[in-house]
Amino acid sequence: MVIFGCHHLFFSDEQTKLEQRRQWLDSEVEKVLKRKEAIEALEEELKKREAIIVKKEAMLTEKSELEMKKLRSSQVLTKVKRWHHFCSCMRNTSALYFTSYQSYVHFIQSICWFKLTLSILSRFS
């Protein structure tokens, strides 16, 4: 019976060691699962941030395009105003009489502006 008692102590000691190993393994598995959950949460956050960046870049591109469109419209408006001024000046004169070479050059420049304005306006039609 003494042998049985020693044998029983041996199994008890083995069971205790086995239980400790199981507990350690369970704690390690728990750590791994927590890390995995943390990584998944970080990946979700990264996806959200990437989506925000893509949206911001698209908005900046759209803003830039709108600013260019506004600038072109402003330039066209300025040229139309110049042509309108030229036409009103021509209406105020009774005849096309150039008093100097400079007035002739100004007339030719105004015609060039008119042609340019028409070509720009034709792009918007």
Foldseek 3Di string as FASTA:
>chain_A
DVVVVVVVVVVVVVVVVVVVVVVVVVVVVVVVVVVVVVVVVVVVVVVVVVVVVVVVVVVVVVVVVVVVVVVLVVVLVVLVVLLVVVVVVVVPDPDPDDPDPVVVVVVVVNVVSVVVSVVSVVVVD
